[in-house]
Amino acid sequence: MKYTNLDDFKRALVDFVDTHAQTPEEKSDLRARIAIERFLSRIDPHEAIVQGGTAVSKLLPYSPYTKDVDLILREEKVKQMGLDKMEPQERANAIRAWLNDKVAERSDDYVKQECVMIAPIMDLKAGFPSTKAFMVDEIGKDVFAKFQVDVALQNSYIPIREIQAQDLLAFAEVPNPTISVMAPEYLIADKVTLY
């Protein structure tokens, strides 16, 4: 981290957002993209796979903005936590605790994140989200962004690729996270079969 105190980092971050986004909507989208990248930096790529629009945005730098994160907990993590044996509300609470443990692990980027609300999906179907998590990203005492994480449980083989994120905080010399994403050909096939 280039900045030794929070105030200098916040000023540099505001300058970065103002320089790279013109309209209020573009600024909001960029703030959310930064918050999502900071979230993904806290998720162990051996525990979860990123899919959907978030995976596409990490594979293709000029892809459309996505407002949520689609995350698949890997089968080993599902079994370790016993998520496949839980009732929907119990599973949602366990996922919330896991998310809050994950986002609390890092402190080298001045970002504080928290899962503030969780909603179980009652009719769990294999491969579909089981839980919606609502995240708040703060820098200092200020809310920087809010975003949603849809968490699914892995139920079959998913080809993955480990990649580097877009490095949105390179200006601050914050380490670029490695994330596991669904392989591009699988992402495309997944979208085609949905429609």
N, C-alpha and C. Protein backbone atom coordinates (compact mmCIF):
# COMPACT_ATOMS: atom_id res chain seq x y z
N MET A 1 0.85 -1.19 0.00
CA MET A 1 0.00 0.00 0.00
C MET A 1 0.88 1.24 0.00
N LYS A 2 0.63 2.07 -0.96
CA LYS A 2 1.41 3.30 -1.14
C LYS A 2 1.12 4.34 -0.06
N TYR A 3 -0.12 4.37 0.43
CA TYR A 3 -0.54 5.42 1.36
C TYR A 3 -0.43 4.93 2.80
N THR A 4 0.19 5.74 3.63
CA THR A 4 0.43 5.34 5.02
C THR A 4 -0.68 5.76 5.96
N ASN A 5 -1.64 6.52 5.46
CA ASN A 5 -2.78 6.86 6.32
C ASN A 5 -4.07 6.90 5.51
N LEU A 6 -5.15 6.74 6.21
CA LEU A 6 -6.48 6.63 5.61
C LEU A 6 -6.86 7.88 4.82
N ASP A 7 -6.59 9.06 5.36
CA ASP A 7 -7.00 10.30 4.69
C ASP A 7 -6.34 10.44 3.32
N ASP A 8 -5.05 10.15 3.22
CA ASP A 8 -4.36 10.24 1.93
C ASP A 8 -4.94 9.24 0.93
N PHE A 9 -5.23 8.02 1.43
CA PHE A 9 -5.81 7.01 0.54
C PHE A 9 -7.19 7.45 0.04
N LYS A 10 -8.03 7.96 0.94
CA LYS A 10 -9.37 8.41 0.55
C LYS A 10 -9.31 9.51 -0.50
N ARG A 11 -8.40 10.47 -0.31
CA ARG A 11 -8.26 11.55 -1.29
C ARG A 11 -7.84 11.00 -2.65
N ALA A 12 -6.87 10.09 -2.64
CA ALA A 12 -6.39 9.50 -3.90
C ALA A 12 -7.50 8.67 -4.56
N LEU A 13 -8.29 7.98 -3.77
CA LEU A 13 -9.38 7.17 -4.31
C LEU A 13 -10.46 8.05 -4.94
N VAL A 14 -10.82 9.13 -4.27
CA VAL A 14 -11.80 10.07 -4.82
C VAL A 14 -11.28 10.65 -6.13
N ASP A 15 -10.00 11.02 -6.17
CA ASP A 15 -9.40 11.55 -7.40
C ASP A 15 -9.45 10.51 -8.52
N PHE A 16 -9.14 9.25 -8.16
CA PHE A 16 -9.17 8.17 -9.16
C PHE A 16 -10.57 8.02 -9.74
N VAL A 17 -11.58 7.98 -8.88
CA VAL A 17 -12.96 7.82 -9.34
C VAL A 17 -13.37 9.02 -10.19
N ASP A 18 -13.04 10.24 -9.73
CA ASP A 18 -13.41 11.44 -10.48
C ASP A 18 -12.73 11.51 -11.84
N THR A 19 -11.52 10.98 -11.93
CA THR A 19 -10.77 11.01 -13.19
C THR A 19 -11.28 9.98 -14.18
N HIS A 20 -11.72 8.82 -13.68
CA HIS A 20 -12.10 7.71 -14.56
C HIS A 20 -13.60 7.56 -14.81
N ALA A 21 -14.39 8.42 -14.18
CA ALA A 21 -15.84 8.37 -14.38
C ALA A 21 -16.39 9.79 -14.37
N GLN A 22 -17.28 10.09 -15.30
CA GLN A 22 -17.78 11.46 -15.41
C GLN A 22 -19.15 11.65 -14.76
N THR A 23 -20.10 10.81 -15.08
CA THR A 23 -21.46 11.00 -14.59
C THR A 23 -21.62 10.36 -13.20
N PRO A 24 -22.63 10.79 -12.45
CA PRO A 24 -22.87 10.15 -11.15
C PRO A 24 -23.06 8.63 -11.27
N GLU A 25 -23.76 8.19 -12.33
CA GLU A 25 -23.98 6.75 -12.52
C GLU A 25 -22.65 6.03 -12.78
N GLU A 26 -21.80 6.60 -13.62
CA GLU A 26 -20.48 6.00 -13.89
C GLU A 26 -19.64 5.95 -12.63
N LYS A 27 -19.71 6.99 -11.80
CA LYS A 27 -18.95 7.01 -10.55
C LYS A 27 -19.46 5.92 -9.60
N SER A 28 -20.78 5.78 -9.52
CA SER A 28 -21.36 4.74 -8.67
C SER A 28 -20.95 3.35 -9.15
N ASP A 29 -20.97 3.14 -10.47
CA ASP A 29 -20.57 1.85 -11.03
C ASP A 29 -19.10 1.56 -10.74
N LEU A 30 -18.23 2.55 -10.91
CA LEU A 30 -16.80 2.35 -10.64
C LEU A 30 -16.56 2.06 -9.17
N ARG A 31 -17.26 2.75 -8.30
CA ARG A 31 -17.12 2.50 -6.86
C ARG A 31 -17.54 1.05 -6.54
N ALA A 32 -18.64 0.61 -7.14
CA ALA A 32 -19.09 -0.77 -6.91
C ALA A 32 -18.07 -1.77 -7.47
N ARG A 33 -17.51 -1.51 -8.65
CA ARG A 33 -16.50 -2.41 -9.22
C ARG A 33 -15.28 -2.50 -8.30
N ILE A 34 -14.87 -1.37 -7.73
CA ILE A 34 -13.74 -1.38 -6.79
C ILE A 34 -14.11 -2.18 -5.55
N ALA A 35 -15.31 -1.96 -5.02
CA ALA A 35 -15.75 -2.69 -3.82
C ALA A 35 -15.82 -4.19 -4.09
N ILE A 36 -16.32 -4.57 -5.27
CA ILE A 36 -16.40 -5.99 -5.62
C ILE A 36 -15.01 -6.58 -5.74
N GLU A 37 -14.07 -5.85 -6.34
CA GLU A 37 -12.70 -6.37 -6.44
C GLU A 37 -12.08 -6.53 -5.06
N ARG A 38 -12.35 -5.60 -4.15
CA ARG A 38 -11.83 -5.72 -2.78
C ARG A 38 -12.49 -6.93 -2.09
N PHE A 39 -13.76 -7.16 -2.35
CA PHE A 39 -14.44 -8.34 -1.81
C PHE A 39 -13.76 -9.61 -2.32
N LEU A 40 -13.54 -9.67 -3.63
CA LEU A 40 -12.93 -10.87 -4.21
C LEU A 40 -11.50 -11.08 -3.71
N SER A 41 -10.82 -10.01 -3.32
CA SER A 41 -9.46 -10.16 -2.77
C SER A 41 -9.49 -10.87 -1.43
N ARG A 42 -10.64 -10.90 -0.79
CA ARG A 42 -10.78 -11.53 0.52
C ARG A 42 -11.28 -12.97 0.43
N ILE A 43 -11.71 -13.38 -0.74
CA ILE A 43 -12.26 -14.73 -0.93
C ILE A 43 -11.16 -15.66 -1.44
N ASP A 44 -10.96 -16.75 -0.73
CA ASP A 44 -9.94 -17.74 -1.12
C ASP A 44 -10.37 -18.39 -2.43
N PRO A 45 -9.52 -18.30 -3.47
CA PRO A 45 -9.92 -18.88 -4.76
C PRO A 45 -10.06 -20.40 -4.72
N HIS A 46 -9.59 -21.03 -3.65
CA HIS A 46 -9.75 -22.48 -3.50
C HIS A 46 -11.06 -22.84 -2.79
N GLU A 47 -11.78 -21.82 -2.33
CA GLU A 47 -13.05 -22.05 -1.64
C GLU A 47 -14.26 -21.66 -2.47
N ALA A 48 -14.08 -20.75 -3.42
CA ALA A 48 -15.23 -20.25 -4.17
C ALA A 48 -14.84 -19.91 -5.60
N ILE A 49 -15.82 -20.03 -6.48
CA ILE A 49 -15.66 -19.77 -7.91
C ILE A 49 -16.58 -18.60 -8.27
N VAL A 50 -16.06 -17.66 -9.05
CA VAL A 50 -16.86 -16.53 -9.52
C VAL A 50 -17.46 -16.92 -10.87
N GLN A 51 -18.74 -16.65 -11.04
CA GLN A 51 -19.40 -16.96 -12.31
C GLN A 51 -20.20 -15.74 -12.77
N GLY A 52 -20.96 -15.90 -13.82
CA GLY A 52 -21.86 -14.86 -14.30
C GLY A 52 -21.15 -13.60 -14.78
N GLY A 53 -21.85 -12.48 -14.65
CA GLY A 53 -21.35 -11.20 -15.13
C GLY A 53 -20.05 -10.78 -14.47
N THR A 54 -19.87 -11.12 -13.20
CA THR A 54 -18.63 -10.77 -12.51
C THR A 54 -17.45 -11.50 -13.14
N ALA A 55 -17.63 -12.77 -13.44
CA ALA A 55 -16.55 -13.53 -14.09
C ALA A 55 -16.24 -12.95 -15.46
N VAL A 56 -17.30 -12.63 -16.22
CA VAL A 56 -17.09 -12.03 -17.54
C VAL A 56 -16.32 -10.72 -17.41
N SER A 57 -16.69 -9.90 -16.42
CA SER A 57 -16.02 -8.60 -16.25
C SER A 57 -14.56 -8.75 -15.88
N LYS A 58 -14.20 -9.84 -15.24
CA LYS A 58 -12.79 -10.06 -14.88
C LYS A 58 -12.01 -10.64 -16.05
N LEU A 59 -12.71 -11.37 -16.92
CA LEU A 59 -12.05 -11.94 -18.10
C LEU A 59 -11.94 -10.93 -19.25
N LEU A 60 -12.93 -10.05 -19.35
CA LEU A 60 -12.97 -9.06 -20.44
C LEU A 60 -13.05 -7.67 -19.83
N PRO A 61 -11.98 -6.89 -19.90
CA PRO A 61 -11.95 -5.60 -19.21
C PRO A 61 -13.02 -4.60 -19.65
N TYR A 62 -13.54 -4.69 -20.87
CA TYR A 62 -14.54 -3.73 -21.33
C TYR A 62 -15.94 -4.32 -21.38
N SER A 63 -16.20 -5.27 -20.52
CA SER A 63 -17.52 -5.89 -20.49
C SER A 63 -18.50 -4.97 -19.75
N PRO A 64 -19.80 -5.20 -19.93
CA PRO A 64 -20.78 -4.37 -19.23
C PRO A 64 -20.65 -4.55 -17.72
N TYR A 65 -21.00 -3.51 -17.00
CA TYR A 65 -20.95 -3.54 -15.54
C TYR A 65 -22.02 -4.47 -15.00
N THR A 66 -21.66 -5.22 -13.98
CA THR A 66 -22.63 -6.08 -13.30
C THR A 66 -22.77 -5.59 -11.86
N LYS A 67 -23.98 -5.58 -11.35
CA LYS A 67 -24.24 -5.00 -10.04
C LYS A 67 -24.13 -6.00 -8.89
N ASP A 68 -23.91 -7.27 -9.19
CA ASP A 68 -23.80 -8.25 -8.11
C ASP A 68 -22.66 -9.22 -8.42
N VAL A 69 -22.36 -10.03 -7.42
CA VAL A 69 -21.34 -11.07 -7.55
C VAL A 69 -22.06 -12.41 -7.52
N ASP A 70 -21.79 -13.25 -8.50
CA ASP A 70 -22.31 -14.62 -8.48
C ASP A 70 -21.17 -15.52 -8.04
N LEU A 71 -21.34 -16.13 -6.88
CA LEU A 71 -20.28 -16.91 -6.26
C LEU A 71 -20.78 -18.34 -6.05
N ILE A 72 -19.94 -19.30 -6.39
CA ILE A 72 -20.26 -20.71 -6.13
C ILE A 72 -19.27 -21.21 -5.09
N LEU A 73 -19.80 -21.66 -3.96
CA LEU A 73 -18.93 -22.29 -2.97
C LEU A 73 -18.54 -23.66 -3.48
N ARG A 74 -17.24 -23.92 -3.47
CA ARG A 74 -16.76 -25.21 -3.99
C ARG A 74 -17.25 -26.36 -3.12
N GLU A 75 -17.36 -27.50 -3.77
CA GLU A 75 -17.94 -28.69 -3.13
C GLU A 75 -17.24 -29.04 -1.81
N GLU A 76 -15.92 -28.93 -1.77
CA GLU A 76 -15.19 -29.25 -0.53
C GLU A 76 -15.61 -28.33 0.60
N LYS A 77 -15.79 -27.04 0.30
CA LYS A 77 -16.20 -26.07 1.32
C LYS A 77 -17.63 -26.32 1.76
N VAL A 78 -18.49 -26.67 0.81
CA VAL A 78 -19.89 -26.99 1.12
C VAL A 78 -19.94 -28.14 2.11
N LYS A 79 -19.17 -29.20 1.84
CA LYS A 79 -19.17 -30.37 2.72
C LYS A 79 -18.54 -30.04 4.07
N GLN A 80 -17.44 -29.29 4.06
CA GLN A 80 -16.77 -28.91 5.30
C GLN A 80 -17.71 -28.13 6.22
N MET A 81 -18.50 -27.23 5.63
CA MET A 81 -19.43 -26.42 6.42
C MET A 81 -20.76 -27.13 6.66
N GLY A 82 -21.00 -28.25 5.96
CA GLY A 82 -22.26 -28.97 6.10
C GLY A 82 -23.45 -28.24 5.50
N LEU A 83 -23.19 -27.35 4.55
CA LEU A 83 -24.25 -26.52 3.98
C LEU A 83 -25.31 -27.32 3.24
N ASP A 84 -24.91 -28.44 2.64
CA ASP A 84 -25.85 -29.26 1.88
C ASP A 84 -26.83 -30.01 2.78
N LYS A 85 -26.58 -30.01 4.07
CA LYS A 85 -27.44 -30.72 5.02
C LYS A 85 -28.33 -29.77 5.84
N MET A 86 -28.21 -28.47 5.60
CA MET A 86 -28.90 -27.47 6.42
C MET A 86 -30.22 -27.03 5.80
N GLU A 87 -31.10 -26.55 6.65
CA GLU A 87 -32.33 -25.89 6.20
C GLU A 87 -31.95 -24.51 5.65
N PRO A 88 -32.81 -23.92 4.80
CA PRO A 88 -32.45 -22.67 4.13
C PRO A 88 -31.99 -21.55 5.06
N GLN A 89 -32.70 -21.28 6.15
CA GLN A 89 -32.30 -20.16 7.03
C GLN A 89 -30.99 -20.46 7.74
N GLU A 90 -30.82 -21.70 8.19
CA GLU A 90 -29.57 -22.08 8.84
C GLU A 90 -28.40 -21.97 7.86
N ARG A 91 -28.61 -22.39 6.61
CA ARG A 91 -27.58 -22.29 5.58
C ARG A 91 -27.24 -20.82 5.31
N ALA A 92 -28.26 -19.97 5.21
CA ALA A 92 -28.02 -18.54 4.98
C ALA A 92 -27.22 -17.93 6.12
N ASN A 93 -27.56 -18.29 7.35
CA ASN A 93 -26.81 -17.76 8.51
C ASN A 93 -25.36 -18.23 8.49
N ALA A 94 -25.14 -19.50 8.11
CA ALA A 94 -23.77 -20.02 8.04
C ALA A 94 -22.97 -19.31 6.94
N ILE A 95 -23.62 -19.04 5.82
CA ILE A 95 -22.95 -18.32 4.73
C ILE A 95 -22.64 -16.89 5.15
N ARG A 96 -23.56 -16.26 5.87
CA ARG A 96 -23.30 -14.89 6.37
C ARG A 96 -22.09 -14.90 7.30
N ALA A 97 -22.02 -15.84 8.21
CA ALA A 97 -20.88 -15.92 9.12
C ALA A 97 -19.58 -16.13 8.34
N TRP A 98 -19.62 -17.03 7.33
CA TRP A 98 -18.43 -17.28 6.51
C TRP A 98 -18.00 -16.02 5.78
N LEU A 99 -18.97 -15.31 5.16
CA LEU A 99 -18.65 -14.07 4.44
C LEU A 99 -18.03 -13.04 5.39
N ASN A 100 -18.63 -12.87 6.56
CA ASN A 100 -18.10 -11.86 7.49
C ASN A 100 -16.71 -12.25 8.01
N ASP A 101 -16.48 -13.56 8.19
CA ASP A 101 -15.11 -13.99 8.56
C ASP A 101 -14.13 -13.66 7.44
N LYS A 102 -14.53 -13.92 6.20
CA LYS A 102 -13.65 -13.67 5.04
C LYS A 102 -13.33 -12.19 4.89
N VAL A 103 -14.35 -11.34 4.95
CA VAL A 103 -14.10 -9.92 4.72
C VAL A 103 -13.36 -9.26 5.88
N ALA A 104 -13.37 -9.90 7.04
CA ALA A 104 -12.64 -9.35 8.19
C ALA A 104 -11.16 -9.70 8.16
N GLU A 105 -10.76 -10.62 7.29
CA GLU A 105 -9.38 -11.12 7.30
C GLU A 105 -8.35 -10.12 6.80
N ARG A 106 -8.73 -9.17 5.94
CA ARG A 106 -7.75 -8.24 5.36
C ARG A 106 -7.87 -6.87 5.99
N SER A 107 -6.73 -6.24 6.15
CA SER A 107 -6.75 -4.89 6.69
C SER A 107 -5.70 -4.02 6.02
N ASP A 108 -5.17 -4.48 4.89
CA ASP A 108 -4.07 -3.74 4.25
C ASP A 108 -4.54 -2.78 3.16
N ASP A 109 -5.86 -2.54 3.04
CA ASP A 109 -6.34 -1.66 1.98
C ASP A 109 -7.33 -0.60 2.47
N TYR A 110 -7.44 -0.42 3.79
CA TYR A 110 -8.32 0.59 4.39
C TYR A 110 -9.79 0.35 4.11
N VAL A 111 -10.15 -0.80 3.60
CA VAL A 111 -11.54 -1.10 3.25
C VAL A 111 -12.12 -2.01 4.31
N LYS A 112 -13.31 -1.66 4.78
CA LYS A 112 -14.04 -2.50 5.73
C LYS A 112 -15.31 -2.95 5.02
N GLN A 113 -15.56 -4.24 5.03
CA GLN A 113 -16.77 -4.78 4.40
C GLN A 113 -17.53 -5.62 5.41
N GLU A 114 -18.84 -5.67 5.20
CA GLU A 114 -19.69 -6.46 6.08
C GLU A 114 -20.93 -6.92 5.35
N CYS A 115 -21.32 -8.15 5.63
CA CYS A 115 -22.60 -8.65 5.16
C CYS A 115 -23.65 -8.17 6.17
N VAL A 116 -24.48 -7.22 5.75
CA VAL A 116 -25.42 -6.59 6.68
C VAL A 116 -26.79 -7.26 6.69
N MET A 117 -27.07 -8.04 5.64
CA MET A 117 -28.37 -8.72 5.58
C MET A 117 -28.22 -9.95 4.70
N ILE A 118 -28.97 -10.97 5.03
CA ILE A 118 -28.92 -12.22 4.27
C ILE A 118 -30.35 -12.67 4.00
N ALA A 119 -30.58 -13.25 2.85
CA ALA A 119 -31.91 -13.75 2.52
C ALA A 119 -31.77 -15.15 1.94
N PRO A 120 -32.33 -16.15 2.61
CA PRO A 120 -32.28 -17.50 2.05
C PRO A 120 -33.23 -17.64 0.88
N ILE A 121 -32.87 -18.52 -0.03
CA ILE A 121 -33.77 -18.85 -1.13
C ILE A 121 -34.38 -20.19 -0.75
N MET A 122 -35.67 -20.22 -0.60
CA MET A 122 -36.35 -21.35 0.02
C MET A 122 -36.45 -22.59 -0.87
N ASP A 123 -36.55 -22.41 -2.17
CA ASP A 123 -36.70 -23.58 -3.05
C ASP A 123 -35.36 -23.86 -3.75
N LEU A 124 -34.39 -24.26 -2.96
CA LEU A 124 -33.03 -24.49 -3.48
C LEU A 124 -33.04 -25.57 -4.56
N LYS A 125 -32.53 -25.18 -5.71
CA LYS A 125 -32.31 -26.12 -6.79
C LYS A 125 -30.81 -26.23 -7.00
N ALA A 126 -30.33 -27.40 -7.29
CA ALA A 126 -28.89 -27.61 -7.46
C ALA A 126 -28.33 -26.65 -8.50
N GLY A 127 -27.23 -26.00 -8.12
CA GLY A 127 -26.55 -25.09 -9.04
C GLY A 127 -27.11 -23.69 -9.07
N PHE A 128 -28.24 -23.44 -8.42
CA PHE A 128 -28.82 -22.11 -8.38
C PHE A 128 -28.48 -21.46 -7.04
N PRO A 129 -28.53 -20.11 -6.97
CA PRO A 129 -28.19 -19.46 -5.70
C PRO A 129 -29.04 -19.98 -4.55
N SER A 130 -28.39 -20.15 -3.39
CA SER A 130 -29.11 -20.57 -2.20
C SER A 130 -29.32 -19.42 -1.24
N THR A 131 -28.54 -18.35 -1.45
CA THR A 131 -28.55 -17.24 -0.51
C THR A 131 -28.22 -15.95 -1.23
N LYS A 132 -28.91 -14.89 -0.86
CA LYS A 132 -28.56 -13.54 -1.31
C LYS A 132 -27.98 -12.81 -0.11
N ALA A 133 -26.79 -12.25 -0.31
CA ALA A 133 -26.11 -11.51 0.75
C ALA A 133 -25.98 -10.06 0.32
N PHE A 134 -26.26 -9.16 1.23
CA PHE A 134 -26.18 -7.73 0.93
C PHE A 134 -24.99 -7.16 1.68
N MET A 135 -24.04 -6.64 0.92
CA MET A 135 -22.75 -6.20 1.46
C MET A 135 -22.65 -4.68 1.46
N VAL A 136 -21.97 -4.16 2.49
CA VAL A 136 -21.66 -2.74 2.56
C VAL A 136 -20.15 -2.62 2.64
N ASP A 137 -19.62 -1.70 1.84
CA ASP A 137 -18.19 -1.43 1.75
C ASP A 137 -17.96 -0.03 2.30
N GLU A 138 -17.11 0.07 3.33
CA GLU A 138 -16.82 1.38 3.93
C GLU A 138 -15.34 1.67 3.85
N ILE A 139 -15.03 2.95 3.70
CA ILE A 139 -13.65 3.41 3.80
C ILE A 139 -13.65 4.46 4.89
N GLY A 140 -12.96 4.15 5.98
CA GLY A 140 -13.11 4.98 7.18
C GLY A 140 -14.51 4.78 7.70
N LYS A 141 -15.21 5.88 7.96
CA LYS A 141 -16.58 5.80 8.45
C LYS A 141 -17.60 6.07 7.34
N ASP A 142 -17.12 6.21 6.10
CA ASP A 142 -17.99 6.55 4.99
C ASP A 142 -18.35 5.31 4.17
N VAL A 143 -19.63 5.18 3.83
CA VAL A 143 -20.05 4.11 2.94
C VAL A 143 -19.52 4.44 1.54
N PHE A 144 -18.77 3.51 0.97
CA PHE A 144 -18.18 3.70 -0.35
C PHE A 144 -19.07 3.08 -1.43
N ALA A 145 -19.61 1.89 -1.13
CA ALA A 145 -20.46 1.19 -2.11
C ALA A 145 -21.26 0.11 -1.39
N LYS A 146 -22.33 -0.31 -2.07
CA LYS A 146 -23.14 -1.45 -1.62
C LYS A 146 -23.29 -2.38 -2.81
N PHE A 147 -23.29 -3.67 -2.52
CA PHE A 147 -23.46 -4.64 -3.60
C PHE A 147 -24.05 -5.93 -3.04
N GLN A 148 -24.53 -6.76 -3.95
CA GLN A 148 -25.17 -8.02 -3.58
C GLN A 148 -24.29 -9.18 -4.01
N VAL A 149 -24.29 -10.24 -3.20
CA VAL A 149 -23.58 -11.47 -3.54
C VAL A 149 -24.61 -12.60 -3.55
N ASP A 150 -24.75 -13.26 -4.70
CA ASP A 150 -25.61 -14.44 -4.79
C ASP A 150 -24.72 -15.67 -4.65
N VAL A 151 -24.98 -16.47 -3.62
CA VAL A 151 -24.13 -17.62 -3.32
C VAL A 151 -24.85 -18.90 -3.68
N ALA A 152 -24.21 -19.72 -4.51
CA ALA A 152 -24.73 -21.04 -4.88
C ALA A 152 -23.78 -22.10 -4.33
N LEU A 153 -24.26 -23.33 -4.27
CA LEU A 153 -23.44 -24.45 -3.81
C LEU A 153 -23.06 -25.29 -5.01
N GLN A 154 -21.78 -25.64 -5.11
CA GLN A 154 -21.33 -26.45 -6.24
C GLN A 154 -21.98 -27.82 -6.16
N ASN A 155 -22.52 -28.28 -7.31
CA ASN A 155 -23.18 -29.57 -7.33
C ASN A 155 -22.66 -30.47 -8.42
N SER A 156 -21.74 -29.97 -9.23
CA SER A 156 -21.17 -30.79 -10.30
C SER A 156 -19.83 -30.19 -10.70
N TYR A 157 -19.12 -30.88 -11.55
CA TYR A 157 -17.82 -30.40 -12.00
C TYR A 157 -17.98 -29.06 -12.74
N ILE A 158 -17.12 -28.11 -12.41
CA ILE A 158 -17.10 -26.82 -13.08
C ILE A 158 -15.66 -26.53 -13.48
N PRO A 159 -15.39 -26.40 -14.78
CA PRO A 159 -14.02 -26.05 -15.18
C PRO A 159 -13.73 -24.60 -14.76
N ILE A 160 -12.57 -24.41 -14.19
CA ILE A 160 -12.23 -23.07 -13.70
C ILE A 160 -10.90 -22.60 -14.26
N ARG A 161 -10.68 -21.33 -14.10
CA ARG A 161 -9.41 -20.71 -14.45
C ARG A 161 -9.08 -19.70 -13.35
N GLU A 162 -7.86 -19.76 -12.85
CA GLU A 162 -7.43 -18.75 -11.89
C GLU A 162 -6.83 -17.59 -12.67
N ILE A 163 -7.32 -16.38 -12.36
CA ILE A 163 -6.87 -15.19 -13.08
C ILE A 163 -6.57 -14.07 -12.09
N GLN A 164 -5.90 -13.06 -12.58
CA GLN A 164 -5.71 -11.84 -11.81
C GLN A 164 -6.92 -10.94 -12.08
N ALA A 165 -7.34 -10.22 -11.06
CA ALA A 165 -8.45 -9.27 -11.23
C ALA A 165 -7.96 -8.08 -12.07
N GLN A 166 -8.77 -7.05 -12.18
CA GLN A 166 -8.43 -5.93 -13.06
C GLN A 166 -7.45 -4.94 -12.43
N ASP A 167 -7.12 -5.12 -11.17
CA ASP A 167 -6.13 -4.27 -10.49
C ASP A 167 -6.57 -2.81 -10.47
N LEU A 168 -7.80 -2.57 -10.05
CA LEU A 168 -8.35 -1.23 -10.03
C LEU A 168 -7.65 -0.31 -9.04
N LEU A 169 -7.01 -0.86 -8.02
CA LEU A 169 -6.30 -0.02 -7.06
C LEU A 169 -4.79 -0.05 -7.27
N ALA A 170 -4.38 -0.28 -8.51
CA ALA A 170 -2.94 -0.28 -8.82
C ALA A 170 -2.31 1.06 -8.46
N PHE A 171 -3.06 2.16 -8.62
CA PHE A 171 -2.53 3.49 -8.30
C PHE A 171 -2.09 3.59 -6.84
N ALA A 172 -2.69 2.78 -5.98
CA ALA A 172 -2.37 2.80 -4.55
C ALA A 172 -1.42 1.67 -4.17
N GLU A 173 -0.98 0.91 -5.17
CA GLU A 173 -0.08 -0.23 -4.97
C GLU A 173 -0.68 -1.28 -4.04
N VAL A 174 -2.00 -1.46 -4.17
CA VAL A 174 -2.69 -2.52 -3.43
C VAL A 174 -2.54 -3.80 -4.25
N PRO A 175 -2.16 -4.91 -3.61
CA PRO A 175 -1.97 -6.16 -4.36
C PRO A 175 -3.22 -6.56 -5.15
N ASN A 176 -2.99 -6.98 -6.37
CA ASN A 176 -4.07 -7.43 -7.25
C ASN A 176 -4.49 -8.84 -6.85
N PRO A 177 -5.77 -9.08 -6.60
CA PRO A 177 -6.18 -10.42 -6.16
C PRO A 177 -6.19 -11.45 -7.28
N THR A 178 -5.96 -12.70 -6.88
CA THR A 178 -6.16 -13.85 -7.75
C THR A 178 -7.53 -14.41 -7.43
N ILE A 179 -8.31 -14.68 -8.47
CA ILE A 179 -9.65 -15.23 -8.25
C ILE A 179 -9.85 -16.43 -9.16
N SER A 180 -10.72 -17.33 -8.73
CA SER A 180 -11.12 -18.47 -9.56
C SER A 180 -12.40 -18.10 -10.27
N VAL A 181 -12.38 -18.20 -11.59
CA VAL A 181 -13.58 -17.91 -12.38
C VAL A 181 -13.96 -19.15 -13.18
N MET A 182 -15.23 -19.22 -13.50
CA MET A 182 -15.71 -20.28 -14.38
C MET A 182 -15.02 -20.10 -15.73
N ALA A 183 -14.56 -21.18 -16.32
CA ALA A 183 -13.86 -21.12 -17.61
C ALA A 183 -14.77 -20.44 -18.64
N PRO A 184 -14.19 -19.61 -19.53
CA PRO A 184 -15.01 -18.84 -20.49
C PRO A 184 -15.96 -19.69 -21.32
N GLU A 185 -15.50 -20.84 -21.82
CA GLU A 185 -16.38 -21.67 -22.64
C GLU A 185 -17.57 -22.20 -21.84
N TYR A 186 -17.37 -22.45 -20.56
CA TYR A 186 -18.45 -22.92 -19.70
C TYR A 186 -19.42 -21.79 -19.40
N LEU A 187 -18.88 -20.58 -19.20
CA LEU A 187 -19.73 -19.41 -18.99
C LEU A 187 -20.68 -19.21 -20.16
N ILE A 188 -20.14 -19.30 -21.37
CA ILE A 188 -20.95 -19.12 -22.58
C ILE A 188 -22.00 -20.22 -22.68
N ALA A 189 -21.58 -21.47 -22.47
CA ALA A 189 -22.52 -22.60 -22.55
C ALA A 189 -23.61 -22.45 -21.50
N ASP A 190 -23.25 -21.99 -20.30
CA ASP A 190 -24.20 -21.80 -19.23
C ASP A 190 -25.26 -20.77 -19.63
N LYS A 191 -24.85 -19.68 -20.24
CA LYS A 191 -25.79 -18.63 -20.66
C LYS A 191 -26.68 -19.12 -21.81
N VAL A 192 -26.11 -19.86 -22.75
CA VAL A 192 -26.88 -20.35 -23.89
C VAL A 192 -27.97 -21.31 -23.41
N THR A 193 -27.65 -22.19 -22.46
CA THR A 193 -28.64 -23.17 -22.00
C THR A 193 -29.74 -22.51 -21.16
N LEU A 194 -29.46 -21.33 -20.58
CA LEU A 194 -30.49 -20.62 -19.81
C LEU A 194 -31.58 -20.08 -20.72
N TYR A 195 -31.22 -19.73 -21.93
CA TYR A 195 -32.16 -19.09 -22.83
C TYR A 195 -32.54 -20.05 -23.92
